[in-house]
Amino acid sequence: TVGTVDILAGESSSFDAITLSHVIEHVHEPVQLLQAV
């Protein structure tokens, strides 16, 4: 899917694993990113 994690704002408890390889250093709000994960 083209976009960021904000696209999945309506989902929860959907994945067994989530990976972020050299991603967190590129975002403006890393706290919000980890909360979404």
PDB file of all heavy atoms in Angstrom:
ATOM      1  N   THR A   1       0.852  -1.185   0.000  1.00  0.00           N
ATOM      2  CA  THR A   1       0.000   0.000   0.000  1.00  0.00           C
ATOM      3  C   THR A   1       0.884   1.231   0.000  1.00  0.00           C
ATOM      4  O   THR A   1       1.860   1.308   0.753  1.00  0.00           O
ATOM      5  CB  THR A   1      -0.912   0.022   1.245  1.00  0.00           C
ATOM      6  OG1 THR A   1      -1.748  -1.137   1.225  1.00  0.00           O
ATOM      7  CG2 THR A   1      -1.773   1.271   1.269  1.00  0.00           C
ATOM      8  N   VAL A   2       0.559   2.203  -0.850  1.00  0.00           N
ATOM      9  CA  VAL A   2       1.321   3.448  -0.900  1.00  0.00           C
ATOM     10  C   VAL A   2       0.861   4.345   0.245  1.00  0.00           C
ATOM     11  O   VAL A   2      -0.331   4.642   0.374  1.00  0.00           O
ATOM     12  CB  VAL A   2       1.135   4.166  -2.244  1.00  0.00           C
ATOM     13  CG1 VAL A   2       1.869   5.507  -2.237  1.00  0.00           C
ATOM     14  CG2 VAL A   2       1.636   3.306  -3.383  1.00  0.00           C
ATOM     15  N   GLY A   3       1.798   4.771   1.069  1.00  0.00           N
ATOM     16  CA  GLY A   3       1.466   5.653   2.168  1.00  0.00           C
ATOM     17  C   GLY A   3       2.250   5.306   3.422  1.00  0.00           C
ATOM     18  O   GLY A   3       3.202   4.529   3.396  1.00  0.00           O
ATOM     19  N   THR A   4       1.823   5.894   4.531  1.00  0.00           N
ATOM     20  CA  THR A   4       2.466   5.690   5.823  1.00  0.00           C
ATOM     21  C   THR A   4       1.536   4.911   6.731  1.00  0.00           C
ATOM     22  O   THR A   4       0.417   4.528   6.348  1.00  0.00           O
ATOM     23  CB  THR A   4       2.824   7.034   6.473  1.00  0.00           C
ATOM     24  OG1 THR A   4       1.611   7.724   6.811  1.00  0.00           O
ATOM     25  CG2 THR A   4       3.636   7.908   5.516  1.00  0.00           C
ATOM     26  N   VAL A   5       1.969   4.713   7.956  1.00  0.00           N
ATOM     27  CA  VAL A   5       1.189   3.934   8.907  1.00  0.00           C
ATOM     28  C   VAL A   5      -0.145   4.599   9.227  1.00  0.00           C
ATOM     29  O   VAL A   5      -1.077   3.935   9.719  1.00  0.00           O
ATOM     30  CB  VAL A   5       2.026   3.696  10.186  1.00  0.00           C
ATOM     31  CG1 VAL A   5       2.144   4.982  10.992  1.00  0.00           C
ATOM     32  CG2 VAL A   5       1.463   2.567  11.036  1.00  0.00           C
ATOM     33  N   ASP A   6      -0.270   5.884   8.933  1.00  0.00           N
ATOM     34  CA  ASP A   6      -1.537   6.591   9.189  1.00  0.00           C
ATOM     35  C   ASP A   6      -2.693   5.971   8.409  1.00  0.00           C
ATOM     36  O   ASP A   6      -3.862   6.084   8.820  1.00  0.00           O
ATOM     37  CB  ASP A   6      -1.407   8.069   8.812  1.00  0.00           C
ATOM     38  CG  ASP A   6      -0.403   8.806   9.684  1.00  0.00           C
ATOM     39  OD1 ASP A   6      -0.172   8.351  10.822  1.00  0.00           O
ATOM     40  OD2 ASP A   6       0.158   9.823   9.226  1.00  0.00           O
ATOM     41  N   ILE A   7      -2.396   5.320   7.286  1.00  0.00           N
ATOM     42  CA  ILE A   7      -3.442   4.686   6.483  1.00  0.00           C
ATOM     43  C   ILE A   7      -4.157   3.595   7.273  1.00  0.00           C
ATOM     44  O   ILE A   7      -5.335   3.308   7.036  1.00  0.00           O
ATOM     45  CB  ILE A   7      -2.825   4.121   5.186  1.00  0.00           C
ATOM     46  CG1 ILE A   7      -2.424   5.271   4.262  1.00  0.00           C
ATOM     47  CG2 ILE A   7      -3.770   3.163   4.477  1.00  0.00           C
ATOM     48  CD1 ILE A   7      -1.766   4.837   2.986  1.00  0.00           C
ATOM     49  N   LEU A   8      -3.451   2.994   8.243  1.00  0.00           N
ATOM     50  CA  LEU A   8      -4.015   1.899   9.030  1.00  0.00           C
ATOM     51  C   LEU A   8      -4.572   2.380  10.359  1.00  0.00           C
ATOM     52  O   LEU A   8      -4.675   1.608  11.312  1.00  0.00           O
ATOM     53  CB  LEU A   8      -2.940   0.830   9.267  1.00  0.00           C
ATOM     54  CG  LEU A   8      -2.298   0.245   7.998  1.00  0.00           C
ATOM     55  CD1 LEU A   8      -1.207  -0.741   8.378  1.00  0.00           C
ATOM     56  CD2 LEU A   8      -3.348  -0.418   7.127  1.00  0.00           C
ATOM     57  N   ALA A   9      -4.946   3.647  10.424  1.00  0.00           N
ATOM     58  CA  ALA A   9      -5.409   4.230  11.689  1.00  0.00           C
ATOM     59  C   ALA A   9      -6.639   3.513  12.243  1.00  0.00           C
ATOM     60  O   ALA A   9      -6.857   3.499  13.457  1.00  0.00           O
ATOM     61  CB  ALA A   9      -5.707   5.719  11.503  1.00  0.00           C
ATOM     62  N   GLY A  10      -7.442   2.909  11.382  1.00  0.00           N
ATOM     63  CA  GLY A  10      -8.658   2.242  11.843  1.00  0.00           C
ATOM     64  C   GLY A  10      -8.456   0.805  12.268  1.00  0.00           C
ATOM     65  O   GLY A  10      -9.414   0.134  12.679  1.00  0.00           O
ATOM     66  N   GLU A  11      -7.224   0.274  12.174  1.00  0.00           N
ATOM     67  CA  GLU A  11      -6.967  -1.124  12.502  1.00  0.00           C
ATOM     68  C   GLU A  11      -6.270  -1.261  13.850  1.00  0.00           C
ATOM     69  O   GLU A  11      -5.586  -0.340  14.312  1.00  0.00           O
ATOM     70  CB  GLU A  11      -6.095  -1.778  11.419  1.00  0.00           C
ATOM     71  CG  GLU A  11      -6.774  -1.907  10.074  1.00  0.00           C
ATOM     72  CD  GLU A  11      -5.998  -2.820   9.134  1.00  0.00           C
ATOM     73  OE1 GLU A  11      -5.411  -3.808   9.641  1.00  0.00           O
ATOM     74  OE2 GLU A  11      -5.972  -2.547   7.932  1.00  0.00           O
ATOM     75  N   SER A  12      -6.422  -2.431  14.456  1.00  0.00           N
ATOM     76  CA  SER A  12      -5.713  -2.742  15.699  1.00  0.00           C
ATOM     77  C   SER A  12      -5.592  -4.262  15.822  1.00  0.00           C
ATOM     78  O   SER A  12      -6.420  -5.008  15.284  1.00  0.00           O
ATOM     79  CB  SER A  12      -6.438  -2.168  16.921  1.00  0.00           C
ATOM     80  OG  SER A  12      -7.729  -2.721  17.047  1.00  0.00           O
ATOM     81  N   SER A  13      -4.530  -4.699  16.507  1.00  0.00           N
ATOM     82  CA  SER A  13      -4.279  -6.126  16.744  1.00  0.00           C
ATOM     83  C   SER A  13      -4.394  -6.934  15.448  1.00  0.00           C
ATOM     84  O   SER A  13      -5.044  -7.976  15.403  1.00  0.00           O
ATOM     85  CB  SER A  13      -5.251  -6.668  17.807  1.00  0.00           C
ATOM     86  OG  SER A  13      -5.077  -5.991  19.026  1.00  0.00           O
ATOM     87  N   SER A  14      -3.729  -6.440  14.392  1.00  0.00           N
ATOM     88  CA  SER A  14      -3.872  -7.039  13.066  1.00  0.00           C
ATOM     89  C   SER A  14      -2.668  -7.866  12.617  1.00  0.00           C
ATOM     90  O   SER A  14      -2.788  -8.667  11.689  1.00  0.00           O
ATOM     91  CB  SER A  14      -4.119  -5.939  12.018  1.00  0.00           C
ATOM     92  OG  SER A  14      -5.297  -5.214  12.305  1.00  0.00           O
ATOM     93  N   PHE A  15      -1.499  -7.682  13.261  1.00  0.00           N
ATOM     94  CA  PHE A  15      -0.280  -8.306  12.769  1.00  0.00           C
ATOM     95  C   PHE A  15       0.467  -9.022  13.891  1.00  0.00           C
ATOM     96  O   PHE A  15       0.443  -8.608  15.043  1.00  0.00           O
ATOM     97  CB  PHE A  15       0.636  -7.263  12.117  1.00  0.00           C
ATOM     98  CG  PHE A  15       0.020  -6.565  10.939  1.00  0.00           C
ATOM     99  CD1 PHE A  15      -0.618  -5.347  11.099  1.00  0.00           C
ATOM    100  CD2 PHE A  15       0.060  -7.145   9.686  1.00  0.00           C
ATOM    101  CE1 PHE A  15      -1.197  -4.700  10.018  1.00  0.00           C
ATOM    102  CE2 PHE A  15      -0.520  -6.520   8.600  1.00  0.00           C
ATOM    103  CZ  PHE A  15      -1.152  -5.292   8.764  1.00  0.00           C
ATOM    104  N   ASP A  16       1.162 -10.086  13.497  1.00  0.00           N
ATOM    105  CA  ASP A  16       1.981 -10.839  14.443  1.00  0.00           C
ATOM    106  C   ASP A  16       3.407 -10.312  14.501  1.00  0.00           C
ATOM    107  O   ASP A  16       4.130 -10.556  15.473  1.00  0.00           O
ATOM    108  CB  ASP A  16       2.005 -12.317  14.044  1.00  0.00           C
ATOM    109  CG  ASP A  16       0.616 -12.923  14.033  1.00  0.00           C
ATOM    110  OD1 ASP A  16       0.113 -13.263  15.112  1.00  0.00           O
ATOM    111  OD2 ASP A  16       0.028 -13.030  12.929  1.00  0.00           O
ATOM    112  N   ALA A  17       3.829  -9.609  13.452  1.00  0.00           N
ATOM    113  CA  ALA A  17       5.166  -9.011  13.413  1.00  0.00           C
ATOM    114  C   ALA A  17       5.114  -7.760  12.552  1.00  0.00           C
ATOM    115  O   ALA A  17       4.407  -7.700  11.548  1.00  0.00           O
ATOM    116  CB  ALA A  17       6.189  -9.994  12.841  1.00  0.00           C
ATOM    117  N   ILE A  18       5.875  -6.741  12.981  1.00  0.00           N
ATOM    118  CA  ILE A  18       6.016  -5.499  12.221  1.00  0.00           C
ATOM    119  C   ILE A  18       7.502  -5.159  12.194  1.00  0.00           C
ATOM    120  O   ILE A  18       8.175  -5.208  13.228  1.00  0.00           O
ATOM    121  CB  ILE A  18       5.209  -4.344  12.833  1.00  0.00           C
ATOM    122  CG1 ILE A  18       3.709  -4.654  12.789  1.00  0.00           C
ATOM    123  CG2 ILE A  18       5.502  -3.030  12.108  1.00  0.00           C
ATOM    124  CD1 ILE A  18       2.824  -3.585  13.419  1.00  0.00           C
ATOM    125  N   THR A  19       8.011  -4.814  11.019  1.00  0.00           N
ATOM    126  CA  THR A  19       9.432  -4.508  10.891  1.00  0.00           C
ATOM    127  C   THR A  19       9.631  -3.092  10.376  1.00  0.00           C
ATOM    128  O   THR A  19       8.885  -2.607   9.524  1.00  0.00           O
ATOM    129  CB  THR A  19      10.140  -5.506   9.959  1.00  0.00           C
ATOM    130  OG1 THR A  19       9.574  -5.440   8.650  1.00  0.00           O
ATOM    131  CG2 THR A  19      10.011  -6.930  10.492  1.00  0.00           C
ATOM    132  N   LEU A  20      10.659  -2.434  10.930  1.00  0.00           N
ATOM    133  CA  LEU A  20      11.043  -1.079  10.527  1.00  0.00           C
ATOM    134  C   LEU A  20      12.559  -1.059  10.352  1.00  0.00           C
ATOM    135  O   LEU A  20      13.305  -0.911  11.330  1.00  0.00           O
ATOM    136  CB  LEU A  20      10.631  -0.044  11.576  1.00  0.00           C
ATOM    137  CG  LEU A  20       9.145   0.047  11.949  1.00  0.00           C
ATOM    138  CD1 LEU A  20       8.881  -0.719  13.235  1.00  0.00           C
ATOM    139  CD2 LEU A  20       8.728   1.499  12.110  1.00  0.00           C
ATOM    140  N   SER A  21      13.007  -1.249   9.133  1.00  0.00           N
ATOM    141  CA  SER A  21      14.437  -1.251   8.838  1.00  0.00           C
ATOM    142  C   SER A  21      14.833   0.109   8.285  1.00  0.00           C
ATOM    143  O   SER A  21      14.466   0.474   7.174  1.00  0.00           O
ATOM    144  CB  SER A  21      14.772  -2.353   7.827  1.00  0.00           C
ATOM    145  OG  SER A  21      16.157  -2.354   7.547  1.00  0.00           O
ATOM    146  N   HIS A  22      15.547   0.878   9.085  1.00  0.00           N
ATOM    147  CA  HIS A  22      15.993   2.222   8.724  1.00  0.00           C
ATOM    148  C   HIS A  22      14.810   3.077   8.280  1.00  0.00           C
ATOM    149  O   HIS A  22      14.793   3.648   7.188  1.00  0.00           O
ATOM    150  CB  HIS A  22      17.092   2.142   7.662  1.00  0.00           C
ATOM    151  CG  HIS A  22      18.346   1.547   8.222  1.00  0.00           C
ATOM    152  ND1 HIS A  22      19.346   2.298   8.789  1.00  0.00           N
ATOM    153  CD2 HIS A  22      18.729   0.255   8.370  1.00  0.00           C
ATOM    154  CE1 HIS A  22      20.297   1.504   9.232  1.00  0.00           C
ATOM    155  NE2 HIS A  22      19.944   0.251   9.001  1.00  0.00           N
ATOM    156  N   VAL A  23      13.834   3.140   9.185  1.00  0.00           N
ATOM    157  CA  VAL A  23      12.618   3.922   8.968  1.00  0.00           C
ATOM    158  C   VAL A  23      12.435   4.961  10.063  1.00  0.00           C
ATOM    159  O   VAL A  23      12.159   6.134   9.778  1.00  0.00           O
ATOM    160  CB  VAL A  23      11.379   2.993   8.923  1.00  0.00           C
ATOM    161  CG1 VAL A  23      10.086   3.801   8.983  1.00  0.00           C
ATOM    162  CG2 VAL A  23      11.395   2.142   7.662  1.00  0.00           C
ATOM    163  N   ILE A  24      12.623   4.569  11.325  1.00  0.00           N
ATOM    164  CA  ILE A  24      12.258   5.447  12.441  1.00  0.00           C
ATOM    165  C   ILE A  24      13.055   6.742  12.438  1.00  0.00           C
ATOM    166  O   ILE A  24      12.576   7.778  12.915  1.00  0.00           O
ATOM    167  CB  ILE A  24      12.405   4.695  13.784  1.00  0.00           C
ATOM    168  CG1 ILE A  24      11.673   5.464  14.888  1.00  0.00           C
ATOM    169  CG2 ILE A  24      13.855   4.416  14.128  1.00  0.00           C
ATOM    170  CD1 ILE A  24      11.536   4.689  16.178  1.00  0.00           C
ATOM    171  N   GLU A  25      14.264   6.722  11.877  1.00  0.00           N
ATOM    172  CA  GLU A  25      15.085   7.941  11.848  1.00  0.00           C
ATOM    173  C   GLU A  25      14.590   8.950  10.815  1.00  0.00           C
ATOM    174  O   GLU A  25      15.037  10.098  10.791  1.00  0.00           O
ATOM    175  CB  GLU A  25      16.555   7.595  11.581  1.00  0.00           C
ATOM    176  CG  GLU A  25      16.849   7.008  10.227  1.00  0.00           C
ATOM    177  CD  GLU A  25      16.800   5.484  10.227  1.00  0.00           C
ATOM    178  OE1 GLU A  25      16.121   4.914  11.107  1.00  0.00           O
ATOM    179  OE2 GLU A  25      17.439   4.869   9.346  1.00  0.00           O
ATOM    180  N   HIS A  26      13.655   8.525   9.944  1.00  0.00           N
ATOM    181  CA  HIS A  26      13.157   9.399   8.877  1.00  0.00           C
ATOM    182  C   HIS A  26      11.826  10.076   9.217  1.00  0.00           C
ATOM    183  O   HIS A  26      11.363  10.901   8.434  1.00  0.00           O
ATOM    184  CB  HIS A  26      12.964   8.593   7.587  1.00  0.00           C
ATOM    185  CG  HIS A  26      14.240   8.097   6.989  1.00  0.00           C
ATOM    186  ND1 HIS A  26      15.053   8.873   6.192  1.00  0.00           N
ATOM    187  CD2 HIS A  26      14.861   6.894   7.091  1.00  0.00           C
ATOM    188  CE1 HIS A  26      16.110   8.173   5.819  1.00  0.00           C
ATOM    189  NE2 HIS A  26      16.020   6.964   6.345  1.00  0.00           N
ATOM    190  N   VAL A  27      11.201   9.745  10.330  1.00  0.00           N
ATOM    191  CA  VAL A  27       9.856  10.256  10.611  1.00  0.00           C
ATOM    192  C   VAL A  27       9.917  11.437  11.568  1.00  0.00           C
ATOM    193  O   VAL A  27      10.816  11.550  12.400  1.00  0.00           O
ATOM    194  CB  VAL A  27       8.936   9.148  11.174  1.00  0.00           C
ATOM    195  CG1 VAL A  27       8.834   7.984  10.208  1.00  0.00           C
ATOM    196  CG2 VAL A  27       9.438   8.676  12.526  1.00  0.00           C
ATOM    197  N   HIS A  28       8.921  12.311  11.444  1.00  0.00           N
ATOM    198  CA  HIS A  28       8.868  13.502  12.297  1.00  0.00           C
ATOM    199  C   HIS A  28       8.422  13.170  13.717  1.00  0.00           C
ATOM    200  O   HIS A  28       8.817  13.865  14.664  1.00  0.00           O
ATOM    201  CB  HIS A  28       7.913  14.531  11.689  1.00  0.00           C
ATOM    202  CG  HIS A  28       8.436  15.168  10.437  1.00  0.00           C
ATOM    203  ND1 HIS A  28       9.267  16.260  10.446  1.00  0.00           N
ATOM    204  CD2 HIS A  28       8.250  14.855   9.131  1.00  0.00           C
ATOM    205  CE1 HIS A  28       9.571  16.611   9.212  1.00  0.00           C
ATOM    206  NE2 HIS A  28       8.965  15.774   8.387  1.00  0.00           N
ATOM    207  N   GLU A  29       7.603  12.143  13.874  1.00  0.00           N
ATOM    208  CA  GLU A  29       7.037  11.810  15.192  1.00  0.00           C
ATOM    209  C   GLU A  29       7.299  10.346  15.517  1.00  0.00           C
ATOM    210  O   GLU A  29       6.404   9.500  15.387  1.00  0.00           O
ATOM    211  CB  GLU A  29       5.531  12.103  15.212  1.00  0.00           C
ATOM    212  CG  GLU A  29       5.170  13.556  14.968  1.00  0.00           C
ATOM    213  CD  GLU A  29       5.575  14.464  16.134  1.00  0.00           C
ATOM    214  OE1 GLU A  29       5.883  13.921  17.215  1.00  0.00           O
ATOM    215  OE2 GLU A  29       5.578  15.695  15.943  1.00  0.00           O
ATOM    216  N   PRO A  30       8.502   9.990  15.936  1.00  0.00           N
ATOM    217  CA  PRO A  30       8.799   8.583  16.237  1.00  0.00           C
ATOM    218  C   PRO A  30       7.965   8.016  17.374  1.00  0.00           C
ATOM    219  O   PRO A  30       7.660   6.823  17.386  1.00  0.00           O
ATOM    220  CB  PRO A  30      10.293   8.596  16.585  1.00  0.00           C
ATOM    221  CG  PRO A  30      10.615  10.012  16.918  1.00  0.00           C
ATOM    222  CD  PRO A  30       9.700  10.852  16.099  1.00  0.00           C
ATOM    223  N   VAL A  31       7.565   8.864  18.322  1.00  0.00           N
ATOM    224  CA  VAL A  31       6.727   8.381  19.423  1.00  0.00           C
ATOM    225  C   VAL A  31       5.386   7.907  18.886  1.00  0.00           C
ATOM    226  O   VAL A  31       4.911   6.809  19.215  1.00  0.00           O
ATOM    227  CB  VAL A  31       6.524   9.489  20.484  1.00  0.00           C
ATOM    228  CG1 VAL A  31       5.539   9.022  21.551  1.00  0.00           C
ATOM    229  CG2 VAL A  31       7.858   9.862  21.124  1.00  0.00           C
ATOM    230  N   GLN A  32       4.775   8.711  18.036  1.00  0.00           N
ATOM    231  CA  GLN A  32       3.491   8.330  17.457  1.00  0.00           C
ATOM    232  C   GLN A  32       3.623   7.083  16.584  1.00  0.00           C
ATOM    233  O   GLN A  32       2.709   6.244  16.546  1.00  0.00           O
ATOM    234  CB  GLN A  32       2.919   9.495  16.647  1.00  0.00           C
ATOM    235  CG  GLN A  32       2.532  10.698  17.501  1.00  0.00           C
ATOM    236  CD  GLN A  32       1.965  11.842  16.682  1.00  0.00           C
ATOM    237  OE1 GLN A  32       1.669  11.686  15.492  1.00  0.00           O
ATOM    238  NE2 GLN A  32       1.829  13.002  17.295  1.00  0.00           N
ATOM    239  N   LEU A  33       4.744   6.948  15.891  1.00  0.00           N
ATOM    240  CA  LEU A  33       4.965   5.763  15.060  1.00  0.00           C
ATOM    241  C   LEU A  33       4.975   4.503  15.919  1.00  0.00           C
ATOM    242  O   LEU A  33       4.308   3.512  15.595  1.00  0.00           O
ATOM    243  CB  LEU A  33       6.277   5.888  14.296  1.00  0.00           C
ATOM    244  CG  LEU A  33       6.723   4.653  13.514  1.00  0.00           C
ATOM    245  CD1 LEU A  33       5.704   4.286  12.443  1.00  0.00           C
ATOM    246  CD2 LEU A  33       8.094   4.868  12.896  1.00  0.00           C
ATOM    247  N   LEU A  34       5.716   4.511  17.023  1.00  0.00           N
ATOM    248  CA  LEU A  34       5.785   3.327  17.877  1.00  0.00           C
ATOM    249  C   LEU A  34       4.451   3.047  18.549  1.00  0.00           C
ATOM    250  O   LEU A  34       4.085   1.883  18.758  1.00  0.00           O
ATOM    251  CB  LEU A  34       6.886   3.492  18.922  1.00  0.00           C
ATOM    252  CG  LEU A  34       8.309   3.434  18.394  1.00  0.00           C
ATOM    253  CD1 LEU A  34       9.304   3.517  19.536  1.00  0.00           C
ATOM    254  CD2 LEU A  34       8.555   2.165  17.577  1.00  0.00           C
ATOM    255  N   GLN A  35       3.705   4.078  18.875  1.00  0.00           N
ATOM    256  CA  GLN A  35       2.372   3.865  19.440  1.00  0.00           C
ATOM    257  C   GLN A  35       1.455   3.198  18.418  1.00  0.00           C
ATOM    258  O   GLN A  35       0.654   2.321  18.769  1.00  0.00           O
ATOM    259  CB  GLN A  35       1.790   5.204  19.907  1.00  0.00           C
ATOM    260  CG  GLN A  35       2.482   5.766  21.148  1.00  0.00           C
ATOM    261  CD  GLN A  35       2.029   7.180  21.485  1.00  0.00           C
ATOM    262  OE1 GLN A  35       1.403   7.868  20.664  1.00  0.00           O
ATOM    263  NE2 GLN A  35       2.353   7.631  22.687  1.00  0.00           N
ATOM    264  N   ALA A  36       1.585   3.605  17.157  1.00  0.00           N
ATOM    265  CA  ALA A  36       0.784   2.984  16.102  1.00  0.00           C
ATOM    266  C   ALA A  36       1.189   1.529  15.896  1.00  0.00           C
ATOM    267  O   ALA A  36       0.333   0.646  15.715  1.00  0.00           O
ATOM    268  CB  ALA A  36       0.938   3.771  14.800  1.00  0.00           C
ATOM    269  N   VAL A  37       2.494   1.257  15.929  1.00  0.00           N
ATOM    270  CA  VAL A  37       2.979  -0.116  15.797  1.00  0.00           C
ATOM    271  C   VAL A  37       2.437  -0.978  16.929  1.00  0.00           C
ATOM    272  O   VAL A  37       1.985  -2.113  16.719  1.00  0.00           O
ATOM    273  CB  VAL A  37       4.524  -0.138  15.784  1.00  0.00           C
ATOM    274  CG1 VAL A  37       5.051  -1.554  15.934  1.00  0.00           C
ATOM    275  CG2 VAL A  37       5.051   0.486  14.499  1.00  0.00           C
TER     276      VAL A  37
END
